[in-house]
Each structure stands twice: as C-alpha cells, then as structure tokens.
C-alpha cells in the first residue's frame, strides 16, 4: 500500500482559514492522472505508487461538518474528510491528520515549486499526526511514513474552475524534495 501517494493532496490557502462553505468548490467527482511524482524511496514509507500517468479519481460530498470522500490512485483507495480546519485521510493501516495553514505559513520552496500566489484559490494543510489504526499508536517515521513528512508535509489543493490540482509535498532530511501532483477535471 502506498501511504505517500495516497496522502492525497488538497490545497486552499488564502488570508483566513476556510470555512465549510469555502470547501464546497471541491464537492463532486474529479478524475485525471498523476502529473508529477518526484520521490526518493530510500527515505522510508512506500512512495512507489503514483507513477506519472496513473489514473486518479477524487470524490467529495458535503456533510453537516464539512466534506467527506475518497481518493483512488491506481488500485489504492483512501477515505478523506475535511472538517473545520482539519484534513484527515486514512487507508486500511494508518490515519493522518493535517491542519489548515495560512498562505504565509506555506514554505517558500513549495510556493515557488507550485507558483502559488496569495490570490489563488487553494486549501493548504500541514501534517499534525499519524496513528496506526489497528494498534492505536503513533506512527513511526521512515517505517510507517516517509522521513520528513512529519516535519514538512503539506497537502495543497488548487481549485481553478473545473480543474483541481492535488499536491503532496515535503522535504527529506537531506534536503531532497517529495512532490506528487495530480491533475483532475470535474465530471
């Protein structure tokens, strides 16, 4: 199971935290392909899925608390939730929680890589914690997820009309970067 590629990517960063109504631009079924997959498998986890061209489907529905849905990357499936200012994803092994961040808190290398501007409609979340679902214990870096995810992991969703760009980005301890970008169109 590819825990990194399945981390899904959602980014909406603007001057204030998003509220539930802001997230409504993500509602619906989105389909597309992996556009970029830069990674280094020597840093642990399992970032092997998500080769460029791999099919991706993301679905979001509105709930009273926010959004819920799923991501299918190739054969891998994750469940996703966006509740208030948290993005939560899980597969059969782990659950990852990330918190919304303001545009100015996104690292400069990420802004540069994605060419983000403060006026872009993005949702940005930063890694907060990872829990092993069965054992109910904290995940171990470089074993249960790749090194660097806990320190610098960001999920960014860019919503542009009927296009969604979903990104997972983080920096390894040696300075190398993990960048997964999925490009999707609304169905």
N, C-alpha and C. Protein backbone atom coordinates (compact mmCIF):
# COMPACT_ATOMS: atom_id res chain seq x y z
N UNK A 1 0.85 -1.18 0.00
CA UNK A 1 0.00 0.00 0.00
C UNK A 1 0.88 1.23 0.00
N UNK A 2 0.62 2.15 -0.84
CA UNK A 2 1.42 3.36 -0.95
C UNK A 2 0.85 4.45 -0.07
N UNK A 3 1.45 4.65 1.06
CA UNK A 3 0.95 5.64 2.00
C UNK A 3 1.24 7.06 1.57
N UNK A 4 2.28 7.27 0.80
CA UNK A 4 2.62 8.63 0.39
C UNK A 4 1.76 9.07 -0.77
N UNK A 5 1.72 8.27 -1.80
CA UNK A 5 0.92 8.64 -2.95
C UNK A 5 -0.53 8.77 -2.56
N UNK A 6 -0.95 8.00 -1.57
CA UNK A 6 -2.32 8.05 -1.13
C UNK A 6 -2.59 9.20 -0.18
N UNK A 7 -1.61 9.92 0.16
CA UNK A 7 -1.82 11.03 1.07
C UNK A 7 -2.70 12.09 0.44
N UNK A 8 -2.99 11.88 -0.77
CA UNK A 8 -3.89 12.78 -1.41
C UNK A 8 -3.44 14.22 -1.25
N UNK A 9 -3.93 15.09 -2.07
CA UNK A 9 -3.43 16.43 -1.98
C UNK A 9 -4.57 17.39 -2.09
N UNK A 10 -4.64 18.35 -1.13
CA UNK A 10 -5.66 19.37 -1.21
C UNK A 10 -5.06 20.67 -0.78
N UNK A 11 -5.24 21.72 -1.48
CA UNK A 11 -4.66 22.99 -1.10
C UNK A 11 -5.58 24.13 -1.32
N UNK A 12 -5.90 24.84 -0.25
CA UNK A 12 -6.61 26.10 -0.41
C UNK A 12 -6.02 27.03 0.60
N UNK A 13 -5.21 27.97 0.16
CA UNK A 13 -4.59 28.90 1.09
C UNK A 13 -5.00 30.29 0.69
N UNK A 14 -5.52 31.01 1.65
CA UNK A 14 -5.79 32.41 1.43
C UNK A 14 -5.68 33.09 2.77
N UNK A 15 -6.03 34.36 2.86
CA UNK A 15 -5.73 35.14 4.05
C UNK A 15 -6.31 34.57 5.34
N UNK A 16 -7.45 33.93 5.30
CA UNK A 16 -8.03 33.38 6.51
C UNK A 16 -8.27 31.89 6.35
N UNK A 17 -8.61 31.23 7.46
CA UNK A 17 -8.93 29.82 7.37
C UNK A 17 -10.23 29.64 6.60
N UNK A 18 -10.32 28.57 5.87
CA UNK A 18 -11.53 28.27 5.11
C UNK A 18 -12.63 27.81 6.05
N UNK A 19 -13.87 28.14 5.70
CA UNK A 19 -14.99 27.57 6.44
C UNK A 19 -15.65 26.54 5.53
N UNK A 20 -16.66 25.88 6.05
CA UNK A 20 -17.27 24.78 5.31
C UNK A 20 -17.73 25.23 3.93
N UNK A 21 -18.33 26.41 3.82
CA UNK A 21 -18.82 26.86 2.52
C UNK A 21 -17.68 27.07 1.53
N UNK A 22 -16.50 27.47 1.98
CA UNK A 22 -15.36 27.62 1.07
C UNK A 22 -14.97 26.30 0.44
N UNK A 23 -15.10 25.21 1.17
CA UNK A 23 -14.70 23.91 0.67
C UNK A 23 -15.65 23.38 -0.40
N UNK A 24 -16.82 24.00 -0.56
CA UNK A 24 -17.81 23.47 -1.48
C UNK A 24 -17.31 23.41 -2.93
N UNK A 25 -16.28 24.19 -3.28
CA UNK A 25 -15.73 24.12 -4.65
C UNK A 25 -15.12 22.75 -4.92
N UNK A 26 -14.83 21.99 -3.87
CA UNK A 26 -14.24 20.66 -4.03
C UNK A 26 -15.28 19.56 -4.21
N UNK A 27 -16.56 19.87 -3.94
CA UNK A 27 -17.62 18.86 -4.00
C UNK A 27 -17.78 18.36 -5.43
N UNK A 28 -17.90 17.05 -5.55
CA UNK A 28 -18.13 16.43 -6.85
C UNK A 28 -17.14 15.31 -7.12
N UNK A 29 -17.19 14.82 -8.33
CA UNK A 29 -16.28 13.76 -8.76
C UNK A 29 -15.25 14.37 -9.70
N UNK A 30 -13.99 14.10 -9.41
CA UNK A 30 -12.88 14.61 -10.19
C UNK A 30 -12.09 13.42 -10.72
N UNK A 31 -11.66 13.48 -11.96
CA UNK A 31 -10.84 12.40 -12.49
C UNK A 31 -9.69 12.98 -13.30
N UNK A 32 -8.59 12.26 -13.28
CA UNK A 32 -7.41 12.71 -14.00
C UNK A 32 -6.27 11.73 -13.85
N UNK A 33 -5.05 12.28 -13.84
CA UNK A 33 -3.85 11.44 -13.79
C UNK A 33 -2.77 12.10 -12.95
N UNK A 34 -1.82 11.29 -12.53
CA UNK A 34 -0.64 11.82 -11.85
C UNK A 34 0.17 12.59 -12.89
N UNK A 35 0.50 13.82 -12.54
CA UNK A 35 1.25 14.69 -13.45
C UNK A 35 2.74 14.72 -13.10
N UNK A 36 3.05 14.63 -11.80
CA UNK A 36 4.45 14.67 -11.36
C UNK A 36 4.61 13.76 -10.15
N UNK A 37 5.72 13.02 -10.12
CA UNK A 37 5.99 12.13 -9.00
C UNK A 37 7.49 12.11 -8.73
N UNK A 38 7.96 13.07 -7.95
CA UNK A 38 9.37 13.13 -7.57
C UNK A 38 9.49 12.57 -6.16
N UNK A 39 10.32 11.54 -5.99
CA UNK A 39 10.48 10.94 -4.66
C UNK A 39 11.79 10.19 -4.59
N UNK A 40 12.13 9.82 -3.35
CA UNK A 40 13.35 9.05 -3.10
C UNK A 40 12.96 7.92 -2.15
N UNK A 41 12.87 6.70 -2.66
CA UNK A 41 12.39 5.57 -1.86
C UNK A 41 13.32 5.19 -0.73
N UNK A 42 14.53 5.73 -0.68
CA UNK A 42 15.46 5.39 0.40
C UNK A 42 15.09 6.05 1.72
N UNK A 43 14.09 6.93 1.71
CA UNK A 43 13.72 7.65 2.92
C UNK A 43 12.53 7.02 3.65
N UNK A 44 12.21 5.79 3.34
CA UNK A 44 11.19 5.06 4.06
C UNK A 44 9.78 5.31 3.55
N UNK A 45 8.82 4.68 4.25
CA UNK A 45 7.46 4.72 3.77
C UNK A 45 7.39 3.88 2.51
N UNK A 46 6.40 4.14 1.69
CA UNK A 46 6.28 3.37 0.45
C UNK A 46 5.78 4.26 -0.67
N UNK A 47 6.56 5.23 -1.11
CA UNK A 47 6.10 6.13 -2.17
C UNK A 47 6.27 5.54 -3.56
N UNK A 48 5.86 4.28 -3.75
CA UNK A 48 6.09 3.62 -5.03
C UNK A 48 4.93 3.77 -6.00
N UNK A 49 3.72 3.99 -5.51
CA UNK A 49 2.58 4.18 -6.40
C UNK A 49 2.57 5.60 -6.92
N UNK A 50 1.74 5.83 -7.89
CA UNK A 50 1.59 7.18 -8.40
C UNK A 50 2.56 7.54 -9.49
N UNK A 51 2.94 6.56 -10.31
CA UNK A 51 3.80 6.88 -11.44
C UNK A 51 3.07 7.87 -12.34
N UNK A 52 3.81 8.70 -13.03
CA UNK A 52 3.22 9.67 -13.95
C UNK A 52 2.29 8.93 -14.91
N UNK A 53 1.07 9.43 -15.05
CA UNK A 53 0.07 8.82 -15.92
C UNK A 53 -0.90 7.91 -15.20
N UNK A 54 -0.62 7.54 -13.93
CA UNK A 54 -1.53 6.68 -13.17
C UNK A 54 -2.88 7.38 -13.01
N UNK A 55 -4.00 6.68 -13.29
CA UNK A 55 -5.32 7.28 -13.13
C UNK A 55 -5.62 7.64 -11.67
N UNK A 56 -6.34 8.75 -11.49
CA UNK A 56 -6.73 9.24 -10.17
C UNK A 56 -8.20 9.64 -10.22
N UNK A 57 -8.95 9.27 -9.18
CA UNK A 57 -10.33 9.73 -9.01
C UNK A 57 -10.46 10.24 -7.59
N UNK A 58 -11.00 11.43 -7.44
CA UNK A 58 -11.27 12.01 -6.12
C UNK A 58 -12.75 12.37 -6.09
N UNK A 59 -13.44 11.98 -5.01
CA UNK A 59 -14.85 12.32 -4.83
C UNK A 59 -15.02 13.00 -3.48
N UNK A 60 -15.77 14.09 -3.47
CA UNK A 60 -16.12 14.77 -2.23
C UNK A 60 -17.62 15.02 -2.20
N UNK A 61 -18.23 14.75 -1.05
CA UNK A 61 -19.63 15.12 -0.81
C UNK A 61 -19.68 16.00 0.43
N UNK A 62 -20.69 16.85 0.45
CA UNK A 62 -20.85 17.77 1.58
C UNK A 62 -21.57 17.06 2.72
N UNK A 63 -21.11 17.29 3.93
CA UNK A 63 -21.77 16.78 5.13
C UNK A 63 -22.06 17.98 6.03
N UNK A 64 -22.76 17.75 7.13
CA UNK A 64 -23.05 18.87 8.04
C UNK A 64 -21.79 19.43 8.67
N UNK A 65 -20.73 18.62 8.75
CA UNK A 65 -19.50 19.06 9.39
C UNK A 65 -18.41 19.51 8.41
N UNK A 66 -18.60 19.27 7.13
CA UNK A 66 -17.56 19.61 6.16
C UNK A 66 -17.71 18.79 4.90
N UNK A 67 -16.64 18.08 4.53
CA UNK A 67 -16.66 17.22 3.36
C UNK A 67 -16.14 15.84 3.72
N UNK A 68 -16.63 14.85 3.00
CA UNK A 68 -16.04 13.51 3.11
C UNK A 68 -15.98 12.93 1.71
N UNK A 69 -15.08 11.98 1.56
CA UNK A 69 -14.94 11.40 0.25
C UNK A 69 -13.85 10.36 0.21
N UNK A 70 -13.36 10.13 -0.99
CA UNK A 70 -12.31 9.14 -1.16
C UNK A 70 -11.42 9.53 -2.33
N UNK A 71 -10.25 8.93 -2.31
CA UNK A 71 -9.28 9.09 -3.39
C UNK A 71 -8.89 7.70 -3.87
N UNK A 72 -8.90 7.54 -5.18
CA UNK A 72 -8.43 6.29 -5.79
C UNK A 72 -7.24 6.65 -6.67
N UNK A 73 -6.10 6.12 -6.31
CA UNK A 73 -4.88 6.33 -7.09
C UNK A 73 -4.45 4.96 -7.58
N UNK A 74 -4.69 4.68 -8.85
CA UNK A 74 -4.45 3.33 -9.34
C UNK A 74 -5.39 2.39 -8.62
N UNK A 75 -4.84 1.38 -7.94
CA UNK A 75 -5.64 0.41 -7.20
C UNK A 75 -5.82 0.79 -5.73
N UNK A 76 -5.14 1.83 -5.27
CA UNK A 76 -5.17 2.21 -3.86
C UNK A 76 -6.33 3.16 -3.57
N UNK A 77 -6.98 2.92 -2.42
CA UNK A 77 -8.12 3.74 -2.02
C UNK A 77 -7.88 4.31 -0.63
N UNK A 78 -8.18 5.59 -0.46
CA UNK A 78 -8.14 6.26 0.84
C UNK A 78 -9.49 6.90 1.09
N UNK A 79 -9.85 7.03 2.36
CA UNK A 79 -11.00 7.85 2.71
C UNK A 79 -10.48 9.20 3.18
N UNK A 80 -11.22 10.24 2.85
CA UNK A 80 -10.82 11.61 3.17
C UNK A 80 -11.94 12.34 3.88
N UNK A 81 -11.56 13.25 4.76
CA UNK A 81 -12.51 14.16 5.41
C UNK A 81 -11.86 15.52 5.52
N UNK A 82 -12.65 16.55 5.34
CA UNK A 82 -12.23 17.90 5.69
C UNK A 82 -13.28 18.41 6.65
N UNK A 83 -12.87 18.56 7.90
CA UNK A 83 -13.78 19.01 8.95
C UNK A 83 -13.17 20.24 9.60
N UNK A 84 -13.92 21.34 9.53
CA UNK A 84 -13.41 22.62 10.02
C UNK A 84 -12.05 22.89 9.40
N UNK A 85 -11.00 22.92 10.18
CA UNK A 85 -9.68 23.23 9.65
C UNK A 85 -8.75 22.02 9.67
N UNK A 86 -9.34 20.82 9.57
CA UNK A 86 -8.52 19.61 9.53
C UNK A 86 -8.82 18.80 8.27
N UNK A 87 -7.76 18.24 7.72
CA UNK A 87 -7.85 17.31 6.61
C UNK A 87 -7.40 15.97 7.17
N UNK A 88 -8.24 14.96 7.03
CA UNK A 88 -7.96 13.63 7.59
C UNK A 88 -8.05 12.62 6.45
N UNK A 89 -7.03 11.80 6.32
CA UNK A 89 -7.10 10.72 5.35
C UNK A 89 -6.68 9.44 6.02
N UNK A 90 -7.24 8.33 5.53
CA UNK A 90 -6.86 7.04 6.08
C UNK A 90 -6.96 5.97 5.00
N UNK A 91 -6.13 4.96 5.20
CA UNK A 91 -6.24 3.75 4.40
C UNK A 91 -6.49 2.63 5.40
N UNK A 92 -6.26 1.39 5.04
CA UNK A 92 -6.54 0.30 5.99
C UNK A 92 -5.53 0.24 7.13
N UNK A 93 -4.40 0.95 7.03
CA UNK A 93 -3.35 0.86 8.04
C UNK A 93 -3.19 2.09 8.94
N UNK A 94 -3.26 3.27 8.36
CA UNK A 94 -2.97 4.48 9.13
C UNK A 94 -4.01 5.57 8.91
N UNK A 95 -4.03 6.52 9.86
CA UNK A 95 -4.84 7.72 9.72
C UNK A 95 -3.93 8.91 9.93
N UNK A 96 -3.96 9.85 8.99
CA UNK A 96 -3.13 11.05 9.06
C UNK A 96 -4.04 12.26 9.22
N UNK A 97 -3.67 13.14 10.15
CA UNK A 97 -4.41 14.38 10.38
C UNK A 97 -3.48 15.54 10.04
N UNK A 98 -4.00 16.48 9.27
CA UNK A 98 -3.26 17.69 8.92
C UNK A 98 -4.14 18.89 9.23
N UNK A 99 -3.52 20.01 9.60
CA UNK A 99 -4.27 21.22 9.95
C UNK A 99 -4.10 22.28 8.88
N UNK A 100 -5.17 23.05 8.66
CA UNK A 100 -5.13 24.14 7.69
C UNK A 100 -4.08 25.16 8.08
N UNK A 101 -3.40 25.69 7.08
CA UNK A 101 -2.41 26.74 7.31
C UNK A 101 -2.70 27.92 6.38
N UNK A 102 -2.37 29.11 6.86
CA UNK A 102 -2.49 30.32 6.06
C UNK A 102 -1.41 30.33 4.99
N UNK A 103 -1.64 31.08 3.95
CA UNK A 103 -0.72 31.18 2.83
C UNK A 103 0.70 31.51 3.28
N UNK A 104 0.82 32.47 4.20
CA UNK A 104 2.16 32.90 4.63
C UNK A 104 2.91 31.83 5.40
N UNK A 105 2.24 30.79 5.86
CA UNK A 105 2.90 29.70 6.58
C UNK A 105 3.36 28.56 5.66
N UNK A 106 3.01 28.64 4.40
CA UNK A 106 3.47 27.63 3.45
C UNK A 106 4.93 27.91 3.15
N UNK A 107 5.81 26.90 3.24
CA UNK A 107 7.24 27.13 2.97
C UNK A 107 7.47 27.74 1.59
N UNK A 108 8.46 28.60 1.51
CA UNK A 108 8.74 29.32 0.26
C UNK A 108 9.07 28.37 -0.89
N UNK A 109 9.75 27.25 -0.62
CA UNK A 109 10.08 26.33 -1.70
C UNK A 109 8.83 25.73 -2.32
N UNK A 110 7.78 25.52 -1.49
CA UNK A 110 6.52 24.99 -2.01
C UNK A 110 5.81 26.05 -2.86
N UNK A 111 5.76 27.28 -2.34
CA UNK A 111 5.14 28.37 -3.11
C UNK A 111 5.83 28.52 -4.47
N UNK A 112 7.15 28.43 -4.46
CA UNK A 112 7.92 28.57 -5.70
C UNK A 112 7.66 27.39 -6.64
N UNK A 113 7.72 26.19 -6.12
CA UNK A 113 7.51 24.98 -6.93
C UNK A 113 6.14 24.99 -7.60
N UNK A 114 5.10 25.41 -6.85
CA UNK A 114 3.74 25.39 -7.38
C UNK A 114 3.32 26.72 -8.00
N UNK A 115 4.22 27.71 -7.91
CA UNK A 115 3.94 29.06 -8.42
C UNK A 115 2.66 29.62 -7.80
N UNK A 116 2.55 29.49 -6.48
CA UNK A 116 1.37 29.96 -5.76
C UNK A 116 1.44 31.46 -5.50
N UNK A 117 0.26 32.08 -5.60
CA UNK A 117 0.12 33.50 -5.27
C UNK A 117 -0.94 33.63 -4.19
N UNK A 118 -0.88 34.68 -3.36
CA UNK A 118 -1.86 34.85 -2.28
C UNK A 118 -3.30 34.91 -2.78
N UNK A 119 -3.51 35.26 -4.03
CA UNK A 119 -4.87 35.37 -4.57
C UNK A 119 -5.40 34.05 -5.14
N UNK A 120 -4.56 33.02 -5.22
CA UNK A 120 -5.00 31.72 -5.74
C UNK A 120 -6.02 31.09 -4.80
N UNK A 121 -6.96 30.36 -5.38
CA UNK A 121 -7.93 29.64 -4.56
C UNK A 121 -7.33 28.28 -4.22
N UNK A 122 -6.76 28.19 -3.04
CA UNK A 122 -6.11 26.96 -2.61
C UNK A 122 -6.54 26.62 -1.19
N UNK A 123 -6.40 25.33 -0.86
CA UNK A 123 -6.59 24.85 0.50
C UNK A 123 -5.27 24.19 0.88
N UNK A 124 -4.67 24.61 1.96
CA UNK A 124 -3.36 24.09 2.37
C UNK A 124 -3.45 23.51 3.77
N UNK A 125 -2.85 22.35 3.95
CA UNK A 125 -2.86 21.65 5.23
C UNK A 125 -1.45 21.15 5.53
N UNK A 126 -1.07 21.20 6.80
CA UNK A 126 0.26 20.74 7.24
C UNK A 126 0.10 19.55 8.18
N UNK A 127 0.99 18.58 8.05
CA UNK A 127 0.99 17.37 8.87
C UNK A 127 0.90 17.72 10.36
N UNK A 128 0.02 17.02 11.06
CA UNK A 128 -0.09 17.16 12.52
C UNK A 128 0.24 15.85 13.22
N UNK A 129 -0.37 14.74 12.76
CA UNK A 129 -0.11 13.46 13.41
C UNK A 129 -0.50 12.30 12.51
N UNK A 130 0.03 11.14 12.86
CA UNK A 130 -0.26 9.89 12.16
C UNK A 130 -0.46 8.81 13.22
N UNK A 131 -1.53 8.03 13.07
CA UNK A 131 -1.84 6.97 14.03
C UNK A 131 -2.03 5.65 13.29
N UNK A 132 -1.44 4.58 13.84
CA UNK A 132 -1.69 3.23 13.33
C UNK A 132 -3.10 2.85 13.75
N UNK A 133 -3.97 2.55 12.82
CA UNK A 133 -5.38 2.34 13.13
C UNK A 133 -5.62 1.14 14.04
N UNK A 134 -5.01 0.01 13.72
CA UNK A 134 -5.25 -1.21 14.49
C UNK A 134 -4.68 -1.11 15.91
N UNK A 135 -3.44 -0.64 16.01
CA UNK A 135 -2.76 -0.58 17.31
C UNK A 135 -3.10 0.67 18.11
N UNK A 136 -3.68 1.68 17.45
CA UNK A 136 -3.99 2.97 18.08
C UNK A 136 -2.75 3.60 18.69
N UNK A 137 -1.62 3.48 17.98
CA UNK A 137 -0.34 4.05 18.43
C UNK A 137 0.16 5.02 17.38
N UNK A 138 1.04 5.91 17.81
CA UNK A 138 1.64 6.88 16.90
C UNK A 138 2.50 6.16 15.86
N UNK A 139 2.40 6.60 14.63
CA UNK A 139 3.21 6.03 13.54
C UNK A 139 4.69 6.33 13.76
N UNK A 140 5.53 5.49 13.19
CA UNK A 140 6.98 5.66 13.28
C UNK A 140 7.51 6.21 11.95
N UNK A 141 8.22 7.38 12.01
CA UNK A 141 8.79 7.93 10.78
C UNK A 141 9.76 6.95 10.13
N UNK A 142 9.81 6.95 8.83
CA UNK A 142 10.67 6.13 7.99
C UNK A 142 10.26 4.65 8.00
N UNK A 143 9.26 4.31 8.81
CA UNK A 143 8.72 2.96 8.79
C UNK A 143 7.28 3.01 8.28
N UNK A 144 6.44 3.77 8.98
CA UNK A 144 5.03 3.85 8.63
C UNK A 144 4.74 4.97 7.63
N UNK A 145 5.62 5.93 7.56
CA UNK A 145 5.53 7.01 6.57
C UNK A 145 6.93 7.53 6.30
N UNK A 146 7.14 8.20 5.18
CA UNK A 146 8.49 8.63 4.81
C UNK A 146 9.07 9.70 5.73
N UNK A 147 10.38 9.65 5.86
CA UNK A 147 11.13 10.64 6.62
C UNK A 147 10.83 12.03 6.08
N UNK A 148 10.65 12.98 6.97
CA UNK A 148 10.41 14.37 6.58
C UNK A 148 8.96 14.75 6.51
N UNK A 149 8.07 13.77 6.36
CA UNK A 149 6.64 14.07 6.27
C UNK A 149 6.15 14.76 7.53
N UNK A 150 6.62 14.30 8.69
CA UNK A 150 6.16 14.87 9.96
C UNK A 150 6.65 16.30 10.16
N UNK A 151 7.81 16.64 9.65
CA UNK A 151 8.35 17.99 9.82
C UNK A 151 7.87 18.98 8.77
N UNK A 152 7.66 18.51 7.54
CA UNK A 152 7.39 19.47 6.47
C UNK A 152 6.25 19.08 5.53
N UNK A 153 5.50 18.03 5.85
CA UNK A 153 4.45 17.55 4.96
C UNK A 153 3.32 18.54 4.77
N UNK A 154 3.01 18.84 3.52
CA UNK A 154 1.90 19.73 3.16
C UNK A 154 1.05 19.06 2.09
N UNK A 155 -0.27 19.23 2.22
CA UNK A 155 -1.23 18.82 1.21
C UNK A 155 -1.86 20.10 0.70
N UNK A 156 -1.82 20.30 -0.60
CA UNK A 156 -2.33 21.54 -1.17
C UNK A 156 -3.29 21.20 -2.30
N UNK A 157 -4.49 21.76 -2.21
CA UNK A 157 -5.49 21.61 -3.27
C UNK A 157 -5.67 22.96 -3.95
N UNK A 158 -5.49 22.99 -5.25
CA UNK A 158 -5.72 24.20 -6.04
C UNK A 158 -6.98 23.99 -6.87
N UNK A 159 -7.98 24.83 -6.62
CA UNK A 159 -9.23 24.75 -7.37
C UNK A 159 -9.27 25.89 -8.39
N UNK A 160 -9.34 25.53 -9.66
CA UNK A 160 -9.37 26.52 -10.74
C UNK A 160 -10.48 26.13 -11.71
N UNK A 161 -11.64 26.79 -11.58
CA UNK A 161 -12.81 26.49 -12.42
C UNK A 161 -13.14 25.00 -12.31
N UNK A 162 -13.03 24.26 -13.40
CA UNK A 162 -13.34 22.82 -13.38
C UNK A 162 -12.09 21.97 -13.29
N UNK A 163 -10.98 22.56 -12.81
CA UNK A 163 -9.74 21.82 -12.66
C UNK A 163 -9.33 21.81 -11.20
N UNK A 164 -8.82 20.66 -10.76
CA UNK A 164 -8.30 20.50 -9.40
C UNK A 164 -6.88 19.96 -9.50
N UNK A 165 -5.96 20.64 -8.85
CA UNK A 165 -4.60 20.14 -8.71
C UNK A 165 -4.43 19.74 -7.27
N UNK A 166 -4.04 18.51 -7.04
CA UNK A 166 -3.86 17.97 -5.70
C UNK A 166 -2.37 17.66 -5.53
N UNK A 167 -1.78 18.21 -4.49
CA UNK A 167 -0.33 18.08 -4.28
C UNK A 167 -0.01 17.52 -2.90
N UNK A 168 1.02 16.70 -2.83
CA UNK A 168 1.66 16.29 -1.57
C UNK A 168 3.11 16.71 -1.71
N UNK A 169 3.60 17.48 -0.73
CA UNK A 169 4.98 17.96 -0.79
C UNK A 169 5.62 17.91 0.59
N UNK A 170 6.88 17.49 0.63
CA UNK A 170 7.66 17.57 1.86
C UNK A 170 9.13 17.46 1.53
N UNK A 171 9.95 17.76 2.52
CA UNK A 171 11.39 17.78 2.33
C UNK A 171 12.03 16.70 3.20
N UNK A 172 12.89 15.89 2.59
CA UNK A 172 13.64 14.88 3.34
C UNK A 172 14.73 15.57 4.15
N UNK A 173 15.28 14.86 5.13
CA UNK A 173 16.34 15.42 5.98
C UNK A 173 17.56 15.85 5.18
N UNK A 174 17.82 15.19 4.06
CA UNK A 174 18.99 15.55 3.25
C UNK A 174 18.71 16.69 2.27
N UNK A 175 17.52 17.28 2.36
CA UNK A 175 17.18 18.42 1.51
C UNK A 175 16.48 18.06 0.21
N UNK A 176 16.44 16.77 -0.15
CA UNK A 176 15.71 16.37 -1.35
C UNK A 176 14.22 16.57 -1.10
N UNK A 177 13.47 16.70 -2.18
CA UNK A 177 12.05 17.02 -2.07
C UNK A 177 11.17 15.89 -2.60
N UNK A 178 10.03 15.71 -1.93
CA UNK A 178 8.98 14.81 -2.40
C UNK A 178 7.88 15.69 -2.96
N UNK A 179 7.52 15.45 -4.21
CA UNK A 179 6.47 16.23 -4.86
C UNK A 179 5.58 15.27 -5.65
N UNK A 180 4.32 15.19 -5.27
CA UNK A 180 3.33 14.41 -6.01
C UNK A 180 2.24 15.38 -6.44
N UNK A 181 1.98 15.45 -7.73
CA UNK A 181 0.93 16.33 -8.25
C UNK A 181 -0.03 15.51 -9.09
N UNK A 182 -1.31 15.68 -8.79
CA UNK A 182 -2.38 15.04 -9.55
C UNK A 182 -3.19 16.15 -10.22
N UNK A 183 -3.47 16.00 -11.50
CA UNK A 183 -4.25 16.97 -12.26
C UNK A 183 -5.58 16.33 -12.63
N UNK A 184 -6.69 16.95 -12.18
CA UNK A 184 -8.00 16.36 -12.37
C UNK A 184 -8.99 17.37 -12.94
N UNK A 185 -10.00 16.86 -13.64
CA UNK A 185 -11.10 17.67 -14.17
C UNK A 185 -12.38 17.21 -13.50
N UNK A 186 -13.30 18.16 -13.31
CA UNK A 186 -14.59 17.83 -12.70
C UNK A 186 -15.47 17.12 -13.74
N UNK A 187 -16.12 16.05 -13.29
CA UNK A 187 -17.02 15.31 -14.19
C UNK A 187 -18.43 15.86 -14.09
